[in-house]
PDB file of all heavy atoms in Angstrom:
ATOM      1  N   MET A   1     -78.510  67.586-116.646  1.00  0.00           N
ATOM      2  CA  MET A   1     -79.576  66.790-117.270  1.00  0.00           C
ATOM      3  C   MET A   1     -80.918  67.032-116.612  1.00  0.00           C
ATOM      4  O   MET A   1     -81.927  67.057-117.303  1.00  0.00           O
ATOM      5  CB  MET A   1     -79.229  65.308-117.156  1.00  0.00           C
ATOM      6  CG  MET A   1     -78.204  64.771-118.166  1.00  0.00           C
ATOM      7  SD  MET A   1     -77.950  63.044-117.970  1.00  0.00           S
ATOM      8  CE  MET A   1     -77.045  62.689-119.519  1.00  0.00           C
ATOM      9  N   ALA A   2     -80.926  67.189-115.287  1.00  0.00           N
ATOM     10  CA  ALA A   2     -82.188  67.382-114.639  1.00  0.00           C
ATOM     11  C   ALA A   2     -82.828  68.817-114.957  1.00  0.00           C
ATOM     12  O   ALA A   2     -84.035  68.880-115.093  1.00  0.00           O
ATOM     13  CB  ALA A   2     -81.978  67.348-113.132  1.00  0.00           C
ATOM     14  N   GLU A   3     -82.014  69.779-115.213  1.00  0.00           N
ATOM     15  CA  GLU A   3     -82.500  71.203-115.574  1.00  0.00           C
ATOM     16  C   GLU A   3     -82.621  71.387-117.044  1.00  0.00           C
ATOM     17  O   GLU A   3     -83.579  72.051-117.502  1.00  0.00           O
ATOM     18  CB  GLU A   3     -81.553  72.171-114.937  1.00  0.00           C
ATOM     19  CG  GLU A   3     -82.048  73.598-115.103  1.00  0.00           C
ATOM     20  CD  GLU A   3     -81.260  74.583-114.358  1.00  0.00           C
ATOM     21  OE1 GLU A   3     -80.799  74.254-113.222  1.00  0.00           O
ATOM     22  OE2 GLU A   3     -81.014  75.732-114.857  1.00  0.00           O
ATOM     23  N   MET A   4     -81.757  70.772-117.823  1.00  0.00           N
ATOM     24  CA  MET A   4     -81.710  71.029-119.249  1.00  0.00           C
ATOM     25  C   MET A   4     -81.541  69.664-120.056  1.00  0.00           C
ATOM     26  O   MET A   4     -80.550  69.449-120.718  1.00  0.00           O
ATOM     27  CB  MET A   4     -80.490  71.910-119.641  1.00  0.00           C
ATOM     28  CG  MET A   4     -80.451  73.239-118.903  1.00  0.00           C
ATOM     29  SD  MET A   4     -78.901  74.124-119.246  1.00  0.00           S
ATOM     30  CE  MET A   4     -79.157  75.582-118.264  1.00  0.00           C
ATOM     31  N   PRO A   5     -82.547  68.808-119.969  1.00  0.00           N
ATOM     32  CA  PRO A   5     -82.452  67.438-120.601  1.00  0.00           C
ATOM     33  C   PRO A   5     -82.125  67.516-122.088  1.00  0.00           C
ATOM     34  O   PRO A   5     -81.510  66.615-122.635  1.00  0.00           O
ATOM     35  CB  PRO A   5     -83.706  66.795-120.205  1.00  0.00           C
ATOM     36  CG  PRO A   5     -84.684  67.883-119.916  1.00  0.00           C
ATOM     37  CD  PRO A   5     -83.823  68.989-119.292  1.00  0.00           C
ATOM     38  N   GLU A   6     -82.662  68.622-122.718  1.00  0.00           N
ATOM     39  CA  GLU A   6     -82.511  68.672-124.172  1.00  0.00           C
ATOM     40  C   GLU A   6     -81.107  69.060-124.571  1.00  0.00           C
ATOM     41  O   GLU A   6     -80.770  68.970-125.728  1.00  0.00           O
ATOM     42  CB  GLU A   6     -83.528  69.634-124.749  1.00  0.00           C
ATOM     43  CG  GLU A   6     -83.215  71.117-124.507  1.00  0.00           C
ATOM     44  CD  GLU A   6     -83.486  71.587-123.053  1.00  0.00           C
ATOM     45  OE1 GLU A   6     -83.974  70.770-122.257  1.00  0.00           O
ATOM     46  OE2 GLU A   6     -83.187  72.771-122.757  1.00  0.00           O
ATOM     47  N   ARG A   7     -80.270  69.410-123.626  1.00  0.00           N
ATOM     48  CA  ARG A   7     -78.896  69.900-123.943  1.00  0.00           C
ATOM     49  C   ARG A   7     -77.822  68.930-123.431  1.00  0.00           C
ATOM     50  O   ARG A   7     -76.677  69.268-123.293  1.00  0.00           O
ATOM     51  CB  ARG A   7     -78.692  71.301-123.452  1.00  0.00           C
ATOM     52  CG  ARG A   7     -79.478  72.330-124.251  1.00  0.00           C
ATOM     53  CD  ARG A   7     -79.507  73.656-123.539  1.00  0.00           C
ATOM     54  NE  ARG A   7     -78.169  74.217-123.430  1.00  0.00           N
ATOM     55  CZ  ARG A   7     -77.914  75.433-122.835  1.00  0.00           C
ATOM     56  NH1 ARG A   7     -78.897  76.092-122.267  1.00  0.00           N
ATOM     57  NH2 ARG A   7     -76.659  75.890-122.694  1.00  0.00           N
ATOM     58  N   CYS A   8     -78.238  67.749-122.931  1.00  0.00           N
ATOM     59  CA  CYS A   8     -77.364  66.755-122.445  1.00  0.00           C
ATOM     60  C   CYS A   8     -77.554  65.435-123.121  1.00  0.00           C
ATOM     61  O   CYS A   8     -78.712  65.032-123.465  1.00  0.00           O
ATOM     62  CB  CYS A   8     -77.560  66.541-120.981  1.00  0.00           C
ATOM     63  SG  CYS A   8     -77.129  67.955-119.899  1.00  0.00           S
ATOM     64  N   PHE A   9     -76.473  64.698-123.443  1.00  0.00           N
ATOM     65  CA  PHE A   9     -76.534  63.479-124.255  1.00  0.00           C
ATOM     66  C   PHE A   9     -75.734  62.392-123.590  1.00  0.00           C
ATOM     67  O   PHE A   9     -74.499  62.526-123.460  1.00  0.00           O
ATOM     68  CB  PHE A   9     -76.106  63.720-125.642  1.00  0.00           C
ATOM     69  CG  PHE A   9     -76.774  64.855-126.331  1.00  0.00           C
ATOM     70  CD1 PHE A   9     -76.295  66.183-126.333  1.00  0.00           C
ATOM     71  CD2 PHE A   9     -77.948  64.593-127.068  1.00  0.00           C
ATOM     72  CE1 PHE A   9     -77.000  67.180-126.965  1.00  0.00           C
ATOM     73  CE2 PHE A   9     -78.608  65.592-127.736  1.00  0.00           C
ATOM     74  CZ  PHE A   9     -78.145  66.919-127.638  1.00  0.00           C
ATOM     75  N   ASP A  10     -76.363  61.351-123.202  1.00  0.00           N
ATOM     76  CA  ASP A  10     -75.729  60.124-122.698  1.00  0.00           C
ATOM     77  C   ASP A  10     -75.704  59.176-123.910  1.00  0.00           C
ATOM     78  O   ASP A  10     -76.789  58.691-124.321  1.00  0.00           O
ATOM     79  CB  ASP A  10     -76.429  59.550-121.523  1.00  0.00           C
ATOM     80  CG  ASP A  10     -75.816  58.221-121.004  1.00  0.00           C
ATOM     81  OD1 ASP A  10     -74.856  57.785-121.597  1.00  0.00           O
ATOM     82  OD2 ASP A  10     -76.282  57.770-119.978  1.00  0.00           O
ATOM     83  N   VAL A  11     -74.567  58.897-124.453  1.00  0.00           N
ATOM     84  CA  VAL A  11     -74.440  58.118-125.673  1.00  0.00           C
ATOM     85  C   VAL A  11     -74.199  56.642-125.467  1.00  0.00           C
ATOM     86  O   VAL A  11     -73.922  55.868-126.423  1.00  0.00           O
ATOM     87  CB  VAL A  11     -73.382  58.701-126.584  1.00  0.00           C
ATOM     88  CG1 VAL A  11     -73.687  60.142-126.957  1.00  0.00           C
ATOM     89  CG2 VAL A  11     -71.963  58.583-126.007  1.00  0.00           C
ATOM     90  N   GLY A  12     -74.241  56.180-124.118  1.00  0.00           N
ATOM     91  CA  GLY A  12     -73.925  54.823-123.856  1.00  0.00           C
ATOM     92  C   GLY A  12     -72.401  54.630-123.811  1.00  0.00           C
ATOM     93  O   GLY A  12     -71.624  55.577-123.966  1.00  0.00           O
ATOM     94  N   ILE A  13     -72.001  53.392-123.502  1.00  0.00           N
ATOM     95  CA  ILE A  13     -70.561  53.089-123.337  1.00  0.00           C
ATOM     96  C   ILE A  13     -69.952  53.074-124.723  1.00  0.00           C
ATOM     97  O   ILE A  13     -69.650  52.030-125.289  1.00  0.00           O
ATOM     98  CB  ILE A  13     -70.338  51.791-122.581  1.00  0.00           C
ATOM     99  CG1 ILE A  13     -71.134  51.867-121.228  1.00  0.00           C
ATOM    100  CG2 ILE A  13     -68.915  51.497-122.344  1.00  0.00           C
ATOM    101  CD1 ILE A  13     -71.014  50.574-120.395  1.00  0.00           C
ATOM    102  N   ALA A  14     -69.702  54.267-125.240  1.00  0.00           N
ATOM    103  CA  ALA A  14     -69.182  54.409-126.617  1.00  0.00           C
ATOM    104  C   ALA A  14     -68.305  55.708-126.641  1.00  0.00           C
ATOM    105  O   ALA A  14     -68.758  56.736-127.154  1.00  0.00           O
ATOM    106  CB  ALA A  14     -70.313  54.467-127.648  1.00  0.00           C
ATOM    107  N   GLU A  15     -67.110  55.632-126.092  1.00  0.00           N
ATOM    108  CA  GLU A  15     -66.296  56.832-125.928  1.00  0.00           C
ATOM    109  C   GLU A  15     -65.921  57.440-127.271  1.00  0.00           C
ATOM    110  O   GLU A  15     -65.905  58.671-127.415  1.00  0.00           O
ATOM    111  CB  GLU A  15     -65.051  56.486-125.121  1.00  0.00           C
ATOM    112  CG  GLU A  15     -65.346  56.220-123.651  1.00  0.00           C
ATOM    113  CD  GLU A  15     -65.815  54.739-123.370  1.00  0.00           C
ATOM    114  OE1 GLU A  15     -65.839  53.986-124.293  1.00  0.00           O
ATOM    115  OE2 GLU A  15     -66.186  54.505-122.200  1.00  0.00           O
ATOM    116  N   GLY A  16     -65.583  56.577-128.262  1.00  0.00           N
ATOM    117  CA  GLY A  16     -65.204  57.124-129.519  1.00  0.00           C
ATOM    118  C   GLY A  16     -66.302  57.904-130.148  1.00  0.00           C
ATOM    119  O   GLY A  16     -66.095  59.006-130.707  1.00  0.00           O
ATOM    120  N   HIS A  17     -67.535  57.373-130.096  1.00  0.00           N
ATOM    121  CA  HIS A  17     -68.723  58.051-130.610  1.00  0.00           C
ATOM    122  C   HIS A  17     -68.922  59.319-129.800  1.00  0.00           C
ATOM    123  O   HIS A  17     -69.277  60.426-130.455  1.00  0.00           O
ATOM    124  CB  HIS A  17     -69.918  57.161-130.557  1.00  0.00           C
ATOM    125  CG  HIS A  17     -71.267  57.904-130.804  1.00  0.00           C
ATOM    126  ND1 HIS A  17     -71.440  58.525-131.956  1.00  0.00           N
ATOM    127  CD2 HIS A  17     -72.280  58.068-130.043  1.00  0.00           C
ATOM    128  CE1 HIS A  17     -72.679  59.125-131.963  1.00  0.00           C
ATOM    129  NE2 HIS A  17     -73.192  58.866-130.748  1.00  0.00           N
ATOM    130  N   ALA A  18     -68.732  59.357-128.520  1.00  0.00           N
ATOM    131  CA  ALA A  18     -68.917  60.567-127.703  1.00  0.00           C
ATOM    132  C   ALA A  18     -68.079  61.672-128.210  1.00  0.00           C
ATOM    133  O   ALA A  18     -68.503  62.850-128.330  1.00  0.00           O
ATOM    134  CB  ALA A  18     -68.647  60.295-126.234  1.00  0.00           C
ATOM    135  N   VAL A  19     -66.789  61.386-128.535  1.00  0.00           N
ATOM    136  CA  VAL A  19     -65.851  62.468-129.035  1.00  0.00           C
ATOM    137  C   VAL A  19     -66.323  62.879-130.429  1.00  0.00           C
ATOM    138  O   VAL A  19     -66.359  64.119-130.706  1.00  0.00           O
ATOM    139  CB  VAL A  19     -64.400  61.915-129.014  1.00  0.00           C
ATOM    140  CG1 VAL A  19     -63.512  62.916-129.690  1.00  0.00           C
ATOM    141  CG2 VAL A  19     -63.940  61.680-127.570  1.00  0.00           C
ATOM    142  N   THR A  20     -66.572  61.970-131.309  1.00  0.00           N
ATOM    143  CA  THR A  20     -66.928  62.360-132.694  1.00  0.00           C
ATOM    144  C   THR A  20     -68.252  63.064-132.729  1.00  0.00           C
ATOM    145  O   THR A  20     -68.453  64.052-133.512  1.00  0.00           O
ATOM    146  CB  THR A  20     -66.903  61.125-133.606  1.00  0.00           C
ATOM    147  OG1 THR A  20     -65.612  60.539-133.651  1.00  0.00           O
ATOM    148  CG2 THR A  20     -67.362  61.434-134.994  1.00  0.00           C
ATOM    149  N   PHE A  21     -69.224  62.662-131.967  1.00  0.00           N
ATOM    150  CA  PHE A  21     -70.468  63.340-131.777  1.00  0.00           C
ATOM    151  C   PHE A  21     -70.288  64.834-131.296  1.00  0.00           C
ATOM    152  O   PHE A  21     -70.859  65.703-131.811  1.00  0.00           O
ATOM    153  CB  PHE A  21     -71.415  62.557-130.843  1.00  0.00           C
ATOM    154  CG  PHE A  21     -72.719  63.187-130.582  1.00  0.00           C
ATOM    155  CD1 PHE A  21     -73.547  63.641-131.585  1.00  0.00           C
ATOM    156  CD2 PHE A  21     -73.195  63.334-129.240  1.00  0.00           C
ATOM    157  CE1 PHE A  21     -74.798  64.232-131.317  1.00  0.00           C
ATOM    158  CE2 PHE A  21     -74.426  63.892-128.983  1.00  0.00           C
ATOM    159  CZ  PHE A  21     -75.181  64.354-130.012  1.00  0.00           C
ATOM    160  N   SER A  22     -69.358  64.951-130.345  1.00  0.00           N
ATOM    161  CA  SER A  22     -68.993  66.254-129.871  1.00  0.00           C
ATOM    162  C   SER A  22     -68.401  67.089-130.992  1.00  0.00           C
ATOM    163  O   SER A  22     -68.707  68.318-131.031  1.00  0.00           O
ATOM    164  CB  SER A  22     -68.064  66.176-128.669  1.00  0.00           C
ATOM    165  OG  SER A  22     -68.638  65.474-127.612  1.00  0.00           O
ATOM    166  N   ALA A  23     -67.602  66.495-131.785  1.00  0.00           N
ATOM    167  CA  ALA A  23     -66.978  67.167-132.915  1.00  0.00           C
ATOM    168  C   ALA A  23     -68.027  67.663-133.873  1.00  0.00           C
ATOM    169  O   ALA A  23     -67.955  68.813-134.389  1.00  0.00           O
ATOM    170  CB  ALA A  23     -65.985  66.302-133.663  1.00  0.00           C
ATOM    171  N   GLY A  24     -69.032  66.864-134.125  1.00  0.00           N
ATOM    172  CA  GLY A  24     -70.122  67.220-135.005  1.00  0.00           C
ATOM    173  C   GLY A  24     -70.917  68.412-134.462  1.00  0.00           C
ATOM    174  O   GLY A  24     -71.195  69.347-135.218  1.00  0.00           O
ATOM    175  N   LEU A  25     -71.130  68.395-133.198  1.00  0.00           N
ATOM    176  CA  LEU A  25     -71.813  69.514-132.552  1.00  0.00           C
ATOM    177  C   LEU A  25     -71.023  70.829-132.651  1.00  0.00           C
ATOM    178  O   LEU A  25     -71.517  71.878-132.891  1.00  0.00           O
ATOM    179  CB  LEU A  25     -72.165  69.189-131.077  1.00  0.00           C
ATOM    180  CG  LEU A  25     -73.224  68.059-130.836  1.00  0.00           C
ATOM    181  CD1 LEU A  25     -73.203  67.672-129.339  1.00  0.00           C
ATOM    182  CD2 LEU A  25     -74.578  68.651-131.227  1.00  0.00           C
ATOM    183  N   ALA A  26     -69.728  70.684-132.383  1.00  0.00           N
ATOM    184  CA  ALA A  26     -68.804  71.822-132.433  1.00  0.00           C
ATOM    185  C   ALA A  26     -68.777  72.393-133.848  1.00  0.00           C
ATOM    186  O   ALA A  26     -68.704  73.671-134.064  1.00  0.00           O
ATOM    187  CB  ALA A  26     -67.396  71.449-131.981  1.00  0.00           C
ATOM    188  N   ALA A  27     -68.784  71.517-134.813  1.00  0.00           N
ATOM    189  CA  ALA A  27     -68.705  71.970-136.266  1.00  0.00           C
ATOM    190  C   ALA A  27     -69.948  72.818-136.612  1.00  0.00           C
ATOM    191  O   ALA A  27     -69.963  73.654-137.508  1.00  0.00           O
ATOM    192  CB  ALA A  27     -68.559  70.756-137.223  1.00  0.00           C
ATOM    193  N   ALA A  28     -71.042  72.496-135.877  1.00  0.00           N
ATOM    194  CA  ALA A  28     -72.318  73.162-136.125  1.00  0.00           C
ATOM    195  C   ALA A  28     -72.507  74.417-135.250  1.00  0.00           C
ATOM    196  O   ALA A  28     -73.559  75.002-135.184  1.00  0.00           O
ATOM    197  CB  ALA A  28     -73.508  72.237-135.905  1.00  0.00           C
ATOM    198  N   GLY A  29     -71.460  74.772-134.462  1.00  0.00           N
ATOM    199  CA  GLY A  29     -71.489  76.020-133.736  1.00  0.00           C
ATOM    200  C   GLY A  29     -71.762  75.923-132.264  1.00  0.00           C
ATOM    201  O   GLY A  29     -71.785  76.867-131.522  1.00  0.00           O
ATOM    202  N   MET A  30     -71.959  74.636-131.817  1.00  0.00           N
ATOM    203  CA  MET A  30     -72.164  74.461-130.341  1.00  0.00           C
ATOM    204  C   MET A  30     -70.808  74.343-129.611  1.00  0.00           C
ATOM    205  O   MET A  30     -69.770  74.231-130.200  1.00  0.00           O
ATOM    206  CB  MET A  30     -72.924  73.151-130.082  1.00  0.00           C
ATOM    207  CG  MET A  30     -74.212  73.059-130.850  1.00  0.00           C
ATOM    208  SD  MET A  30     -75.331  74.381-130.550  1.00  0.00           S
ATOM    209  CE  MET A  30     -76.004  73.916-128.920  1.00  0.00           C
ATOM    210  N   ILE A  31     -70.854  74.449-128.285  1.00  0.00           N
ATOM    211  CA  ILE A  31     -69.691  74.236-127.502  1.00  0.00           C
ATOM    212  C   ILE A  31     -69.845  73.026-126.548  1.00  0.00           C
ATOM    213  O   ILE A  31     -70.415  73.186-125.480  1.00  0.00           O
ATOM    214  CB  ILE A  31     -69.366  75.533-126.652  1.00  0.00           C
ATOM    215  CG1 ILE A  31     -69.162  76.740-127.529  1.00  0.00           C
ATOM    216  CG2 ILE A  31     -68.143  75.280-125.787  1.00  0.00           C
ATOM    217  CD1 ILE A  31     -68.936  78.028-126.800  1.00  0.00           C
ATOM    218  N   PRO A  32     -69.434  71.917-127.047  1.00  0.00           N
ATOM    219  CA  PRO A  32     -69.687  70.649-126.245  1.00  0.00           C
ATOM    220  C   PRO A  32     -68.680  70.438-125.215  1.00  0.00           C
ATOM    221  O   PRO A  32     -67.450  70.554-125.510  1.00  0.00           O
ATOM    222  CB  PRO A  32     -69.663  69.527-127.354  1.00  0.00           C
ATOM    223  CG  PRO A  32     -68.768  70.089-128.382  1.00  0.00           C
ATOM    224  CD  PRO A  32     -68.935  71.588-128.374  1.00  0.00           C
ATOM    225  N   PHE A  33     -69.122  70.090-124.011  1.00  0.00           N
ATOM    226  CA  PHE A  33     -68.257  69.605-122.946  1.00  0.00           C
ATOM    227  C   PHE A  33     -68.392  68.069-122.899  1.00  0.00           C
ATOM    228  O   PHE A  33     -69.481  67.577-122.473  1.00  0.00           O
ATOM    229  CB  PHE A  33     -68.661  70.213-121.573  1.00  0.00           C
ATOM    230  CG  PHE A  33     -68.144  71.631-121.358  1.00  0.00           C
ATOM    231  CD1 PHE A  33     -68.596  72.697-122.096  1.00  0.00           C
ATOM    232  CD2 PHE A  33     -67.130  71.840-120.407  1.00  0.00           C
ATOM    233  CE1 PHE A  33     -68.107  73.971-121.897  1.00  0.00           C
ATOM    234  CE2 PHE A  33     -66.591  73.110-120.205  1.00  0.00           C
ATOM    235  CZ  PHE A  33     -67.061  74.175-120.937  1.00  0.00           C
ATOM    236  N   CYS A  34     -67.373  67.400-123.320  1.00  0.00           N
ATOM    237  CA  CYS A  34     -67.392  65.957-123.437  1.00  0.00           C
ATOM    238  C   CYS A  34     -66.656  65.380-122.216  1.00  0.00           C
ATOM    239  O   CYS A  34     -65.463  65.478-122.129  1.00  0.00           O
ATOM    240  CB  CYS A  34     -66.780  65.432-124.735  1.00  0.00           C
ATOM    241  SG  CYS A  34     -66.776  63.669-124.935  1.00  0.00           S
ATOM    242  N   ASN A  35     -67.430  64.812-121.274  1.00  0.00           N
ATOM    243  CA  ASN A  35     -66.851  64.300-119.993  1.00  0.00           C
ATOM    244  C   ASN A  35     -66.579  62.797-120.059  1.00  0.00           C
ATOM    245  O   ASN A  35     -67.558  62.054-120.202  1.00  0.00           O
ATOM    246  CB  ASN A  35     -67.679  64.706-118.819  1.00  0.00           C
ATOM    247  CG  ASN A  35     -67.026  64.457-117.521  1.00  0.00           C
ATOM    248  OD1 ASN A  35     -66.593  63.369-117.200  1.00  0.00           O
ATOM    249  ND2 ASN A  35     -66.883  65.572-116.759  1.00  0.00           N
ATOM    250  N   ILE A  36     -65.364  62.441-120.017  1.00  0.00           N
ATOM    251  CA  ILE A  36     -65.019  60.952-120.115  1.00  0.00           C
ATOM    252  C   ILE A  36     -63.957  60.701-119.004  1.00  0.00           C
ATOM    253  O   ILE A  36     -63.015  61.484-118.872  1.00  0.00           O
ATOM    254  CB  ILE A  36     -64.464  60.621-121.489  1.00  0.00           C
ATOM    255  CG1 ILE A  36     -65.555  60.881-122.529  1.00  0.00           C
ATOM    256  CG2 ILE A  36     -64.083  59.120-121.531  1.00  0.00           C
ATOM    257  CD1 ILE A  36     -65.005  60.585-124.031  1.00  0.00           C
ATOM    258  N   TYR A  37     -64.075  59.613-118.315  1.00  0.00           N
ATOM    259  CA  TYR A  37     -63.026  59.198-117.389  1.00  0.00           C
ATOM    260  C   TYR A  37     -61.703  59.081-118.150  1.00  0.00           C
ATOM    261  O   TYR A  37     -61.664  58.549-119.225  1.00  0.00           O
ATOM    262  CB  TYR A  37     -63.385  57.875-116.722  1.00  0.00           C
ATOM    263  CG  TYR A  37     -64.525  57.928-115.698  1.00  0.00           C
ATOM    264  CD1 TYR A  37     -65.283  59.070-115.502  1.00  0.00           C
ATOM    265  CD2 TYR A  37     -64.791  56.814-114.862  1.00  0.00           C
ATOM    266  CE1 TYR A  37     -66.298  59.108-114.598  1.00  0.00           C
ATOM    267  CE2 TYR A  37     -65.774  56.895-114.012  1.00  0.00           C
ATOM    268  CZ  TYR A  37     -66.562  58.040-113.826  1.00  0.00           C
ATOM    269  OH  TYR A  37     -67.624  58.049-112.909  1.00  0.00           O
ATOM    270  N   SER A  38     -60.665  59.551-117.517  1.00  0.00           N
ATOM    271  CA  SER A  38     -59.346  59.553-118.174  1.00  0.00           C
ATOM    272  C   SER A  38     -58.943  58.174-118.786  1.00  0.00           C
ATOM    273  O   SER A  38     -58.526  58.102-119.929  1.00  0.00           O
ATOM    274  CB  SER A  38     -58.267  60.013-117.225  1.00  0.00           C
ATOM    275  OG  SER A  38     -56.927  59.827-117.725  1.00  0.00           O
ATOM    276  N   SER A  39     -59.080  57.105-118.018  1.00  0.00           N
ATOM    277  CA  SER A  39     -58.638  55.783-118.464  1.00  0.00           C
ATOM    278  C   SER A  39     -59.526  55.384-119.706  1.00  0.00           C
ATOM    279  O   SER A  39     -59.054  54.587-120.530  1.00  0.00           O
ATOM    280  CB  SER A  39     -58.716  54.807-117.405  1.00  0.00           C
ATOM    281  OG  SER A  39     -60.055  54.612-116.929  1.00  0.00           O
TER     282      SER A  39
END
């Protein structure tokens, strides 16, 4: 985030949205790394 703020997204405490947002990015050709605590 510090080096590439335009390529990082904090979506708030919304894990379902984080995954679906990542899916949308992937469908558009990006390679999203979606980091979520396991629990």
